[in-house]
N, C-alpha and C. Protein backbone atom coordinates (compact mmCIF):
# COMPACT_ATOMS: atom_id res chain seq x y z
N MET A 1 -6.38 40.28 -6.19
CA MET A 1 -5.18 40.53 -5.41
C MET A 1 -5.21 42.11 -5.38
N GLN A 2 -4.53 42.32 -4.34
CA GLN A 2 -4.59 43.59 -3.65
C GLN A 2 -3.04 44.45 -4.59
N CYS A 3 -3.31 45.60 -4.99
CA CYS A 3 -2.42 46.52 -5.82
C CYS A 3 -1.49 47.10 -4.85
N LEU A 4 -0.16 47.19 -5.24
CA LEU A 4 0.83 48.14 -4.31
C LEU A 4 1.52 48.81 -5.25
N PRO A 5 1.86 50.14 -4.58
CA PRO A 5 2.19 51.19 -5.34
C PRO A 5 3.74 50.80 -5.46
N VAL A 6 4.16 51.09 -6.70
CA VAL A 6 5.81 50.97 -6.80
C VAL A 6 6.26 52.49 -8.20
N ALA A 7 7.42 52.50 -7.55
CA ALA A 7 7.96 53.71 -8.39
C ALA A 7 7.87 53.66 -9.74
N LYS A 8 8.62 52.22 -10.32
CA LYS A 8 8.60 51.82 -11.66
C LYS A 8 7.87 50.45 -11.85
N LEU A 9 7.18 50.17 -12.92
CA LEU A 9 6.81 49.13 -13.72
C LEU A 9 7.82 48.12 -13.67
N PRO A 10 7.33 46.71 -13.55
CA PRO A 10 8.28 45.69 -14.09
C PRO A 10 8.49 45.84 -15.84
N GLU A 11 9.21 45.39 -16.30
CA GLU A 11 9.74 45.28 -17.64
C GLU A 11 9.68 43.81 -18.51
N GLY A 12 9.45 43.78 -19.48
CA GLY A 12 9.74 42.11 -19.90
C GLY A 12 8.96 41.73 -20.68
N SER A 13 8.80 40.33 -21.27
CA SER A 13 7.91 40.13 -22.02
C SER A 13 7.04 38.83 -21.00
N ASN A 14 7.17 38.86 -19.55
CA ASN A 14 6.48 38.01 -18.74
C ASN A 14 5.41 39.44 -18.42
N TRP A 15 5.04 40.53 -18.22
CA TRP A 15 4.22 41.04 -17.85
C TRP A 15 3.39 41.89 -18.90
N GLU A 16 2.22 41.89 -18.38
CA GLU A 16 1.08 42.62 -19.56
C GLU A 16 0.58 43.72 -18.83
N TYR A 17 -0.37 44.86 -19.20
CA TYR A 17 -0.83 45.75 -18.37
C TYR A 17 -1.91 45.96 -18.99
N GLU A 18 -3.15 46.66 -18.26
CA GLU A 18 -4.21 47.05 -18.87
C GLU A 18 -4.76 48.26 -17.98
N VAL A 19 -5.52 49.12 -18.87
CA VAL A 19 -6.02 50.22 -18.08
C VAL A 19 -6.94 49.91 -16.82
N LYS A 20 -6.83 50.28 -15.95
CA LYS A 20 -7.48 50.38 -14.86
C LYS A 20 -8.72 51.57 -14.88
N PHE A 21 -9.92 50.69 -14.95
CA PHE A 21 -11.17 51.70 -14.94
C PHE A 21 -11.67 52.03 -13.37
N ASP A 22 -12.08 52.97 -12.69
CA ASP A 22 -12.66 52.82 -11.53
C ASP A 22 -13.85 51.84 -11.63
N GLY A 23 -14.37 51.02 -10.45
CA GLY A 23 -15.45 50.23 -10.44
C GLY A 23 -14.90 49.38 -9.20
N TYR A 24 -16.16 48.58 -9.04
CA TYR A 24 -16.32 47.37 -7.83
C TYR A 24 -15.81 46.37 -8.32
N ARG A 25 -14.43 45.84 -7.77
CA ARG A 25 -14.37 44.46 -7.60
C ARG A 25 -14.96 43.54 -6.76
N ALA A 26 -15.93 42.60 -7.54
CA ALA A 26 -16.89 41.86 -7.22
C ALA A 26 -16.71 40.05 -7.82
N LEU A 27 -17.41 39.62 -6.56
CA LEU A 27 -17.36 38.17 -6.79
C LEU A 27 -18.72 37.75 -7.11
N GLY A 28 -19.03 37.00 -8.02
CA GLY A 28 -20.75 36.46 -8.36
C GLY A 28 -20.45 35.10 -7.80
N ILE A 29 -21.38 34.27 -7.09
CA ILE A 29 -21.26 33.11 -6.65
C ILE A 29 -22.58 32.47 -6.55
N LYS A 30 -22.59 31.27 -7.18
CA LYS A 30 -23.82 30.58 -7.20
C LYS A 30 -23.84 29.08 -6.46
N SER A 31 -24.10 28.98 -5.46
CA SER A 31 -23.82 27.89 -4.90
C SER A 31 -24.95 27.13 -3.98
N GLY A 32 -25.29 25.97 -4.31
CA GLY A 32 -26.39 25.28 -3.53
C GLY A 32 -27.70 25.77 -4.05
N GLY A 33 -27.82 26.18 -5.20
CA GLY A 33 -29.00 27.08 -5.42
C GLY A 33 -29.28 28.28 -5.11
N ARG A 34 -28.29 29.04 -4.61
CA ARG A 34 -28.13 30.31 -3.89
C ARG A 34 -27.06 31.20 -4.77
N VAL A 35 -27.62 32.46 -4.96
CA VAL A 35 -26.92 33.52 -5.68
C VAL A 35 -26.32 34.46 -4.78
N GLY A 36 -25.13 34.86 -5.10
CA GLY A 36 -24.82 36.01 -4.11
C GLY A 36 -23.64 37.02 -5.02
N LEU A 37 -23.87 38.18 -4.73
CA LEU A 37 -22.90 39.13 -5.67
C LEU A 37 -22.03 40.01 -4.14
N MET A 38 -21.00 40.12 -4.19
CA MET A 38 -20.07 40.72 -3.20
C MET A 38 -18.65 41.20 -3.47
N PHE A 39 -18.37 41.97 -2.43
CA PHE A 39 -17.11 42.52 -2.53
C PHE A 39 -16.24 41.54 -2.23
N ARG A 40 -14.87 41.79 -2.28
CA ARG A 40 -13.88 40.84 -1.92
C ARG A 40 -14.01 40.92 -0.14
N ASN A 41 -14.38 41.84 0.55
CA ASN A 41 -14.26 41.87 1.96
C ASN A 41 -15.73 41.05 2.08
N GLU A 42 -16.67 40.73 1.31
CA GLU A 42 -17.61 39.91 1.56
C GLU A 42 -18.94 40.83 1.80
N ASN A 43 -18.78 42.08 1.89
CA ASN A 43 -19.98 42.63 1.75
C ASN A 43 -20.81 42.62 0.60
N ASP A 44 -22.41 42.59 0.84
CA ASP A 44 -23.18 42.13 -0.36
C ASP A 44 -23.25 43.50 -1.33
N LEU A 45 -23.27 42.92 -2.66
CA LEU A 45 -23.68 44.05 -3.68
C LEU A 45 -24.88 43.35 -4.49
N SER A 46 -25.51 42.64 -3.94
CA SER A 46 -26.92 42.12 -4.58
C SER A 46 -27.81 43.30 -4.58
N VAL A 47 -28.01 44.34 -3.63
CA VAL A 47 -29.13 44.99 -3.54
C VAL A 47 -28.98 46.27 -4.69
N ARG A 48 -27.52 46.54 -4.88
CA ARG A 48 -27.24 47.68 -6.17
C ARG A 48 -27.38 47.30 -6.71
N PHE A 49 -27.24 45.81 -7.27
CA PHE A 49 -27.02 45.23 -8.79
C PHE A 49 -28.02 44.02 -8.83
N PRO A 50 -29.48 44.27 -8.82
CA PRO A 50 -30.30 43.22 -8.65
C PRO A 50 -30.18 42.46 -10.09
N ILE A 51 -30.45 43.27 -10.96
CA ILE A 51 -30.55 42.64 -12.49
C ILE A 51 -29.58 41.42 -12.92
N LEU A 52 -28.30 41.53 -12.16
CA LEU A 52 -26.65 41.10 -12.26
C LEU A 52 -27.17 39.93 -11.49
N THR A 53 -27.46 40.30 -10.47
CA THR A 53 -27.85 39.27 -9.42
C THR A 53 -28.75 38.39 -9.80
N GLN A 54 -29.72 38.48 -10.43
CA GLN A 54 -30.72 37.63 -11.01
C GLN A 54 -30.15 36.93 -12.10
N THR A 55 -29.32 37.71 -12.98
CA THR A 55 -28.79 37.08 -14.00
C THR A 55 -27.74 35.91 -13.60
N LEU A 56 -27.14 35.94 -12.46
CA LEU A 56 -26.04 35.03 -12.06
C LEU A 56 -26.83 33.52 -11.83
N ALA A 57 -28.09 33.72 -11.63
CA ALA A 57 -28.79 32.66 -11.06
C ALA A 57 -29.10 31.56 -12.34
N ASN A 58 -28.64 31.63 -13.81
CA ASN A 58 -28.55 31.23 -14.90
C ASN A 58 -27.54 30.23 -14.89
N LEU A 59 -26.32 30.37 -13.85
CA LEU A 59 -24.87 29.83 -14.16
C LEU A 59 -25.12 28.25 -13.29
N ALA A 60 -24.47 27.53 -13.52
CA ALA A 60 -24.64 26.28 -13.08
C ALA A 60 -24.22 25.99 -11.44
N ASP A 61 -24.69 25.70 -10.61
CA ASP A 61 -24.14 25.30 -9.40
C ASP A 61 -22.49 25.12 -9.12
N GLU A 62 -21.90 25.76 -7.96
CA GLU A 62 -20.83 25.74 -7.71
C GLU A 62 -20.02 26.19 -8.58
N THR A 63 -20.03 27.63 -9.30
CA THR A 63 -19.81 28.45 -9.96
C THR A 63 -19.47 30.29 -9.17
N ILE A 64 -18.08 30.50 -9.51
CA ILE A 64 -17.77 31.82 -9.01
C ILE A 64 -17.13 32.59 -10.13
N ILE A 65 -17.59 33.64 -10.26
CA ILE A 65 -16.84 34.71 -11.35
C ILE A 65 -16.26 35.70 -10.36
N ASP A 66 -15.18 36.33 -10.86
CA ASP A 66 -14.42 37.07 -10.22
C ASP A 66 -14.43 38.40 -11.70
N GLY A 67 -14.66 39.30 -10.90
CA GLY A 67 -14.66 40.54 -12.22
C GLY A 67 -14.77 41.70 -11.63
N GLU A 68 -14.74 43.00 -12.30
CA GLU A 68 -15.21 44.20 -12.20
C GLU A 68 -16.41 44.55 -12.73
N LEU A 69 -17.27 45.61 -11.97
CA LEU A 69 -18.54 45.93 -12.21
C LEU A 69 -18.22 47.63 -12.82
């Protein structure tokens, strides 16, 4: 989800916040025995993070992990 700038953060018990550390928002995908690590815009990150990409191969097929590197 893309962040949007606001003048004031929402308040109330329905909202939680966390510190945003600079990093890469990425998707780790294993499907049909193939593994991929990519940005949300589908640019490949596998070459930058080969060890992480190899580790994704241990996941069950048809798995998607969304996170930040």
